[in-house]
Amino acid sequence: MSSRFNALTQQAVRGLCLLPANLDELTEERQADLLAYYEEDLPSPSSVEQEVRLWRRLWSEKEVKPATIAETLVTVNQKQFPNVSTILNILQLIPVTSSSVERANSALGFIKSNRRSTMTEERMNALTLLFVHKDIALNLDKVVDMYATKHPRRMLFKNPLSEECS
């Protein structure tokens, strides 16, 4: 997993050379490496080299050049540059770090204990999501009402969180 992630990170860094602000760093070697890596994902790989030449020419004439993927995709005609747009869209999806995966695995350590070894996958996924997103505020009244609606026989008592029961 680590070597695969490193290869993906290297390709992501190379892909950032397609940004208009970084086009000076896109050497022939980097370009060939990048295009070979993304060849299977490109809509028309046979024309990608000509497209990159047009891409360079387009941005060499402009003074203000976008420096982020989002800015670039907003300002460019994606139908005119389908291969470059595809690579940039893929780069948007690549996580910058592996911290989200590590955080989820850490959460499993808290959730999956010896006492809970028989829980179903659905319950474990729900508990993991609750643990990972613990910073999101929940409206407990709404949660109780949703549960009561889904399971009416189990909620024949009053809402314990309402002010009437206090």
Foldseek 3Di string as FASTA:
>chain_A
DVVVLVVVLVLLVLLLCLFLVNVVVNDPVSVVVNLVVCVVVAPDSVCQVVLSVVSNVVSVPDDDTDNALVVVLVPDDCVSRVRNNRSSVVSVVRDNDCVVVVLLVVLCVVVCDPVCVPDDPVVSVVSSVCVSPVVDDDDVVVVVVVVCVVPVVVPPDDDCPDPVND
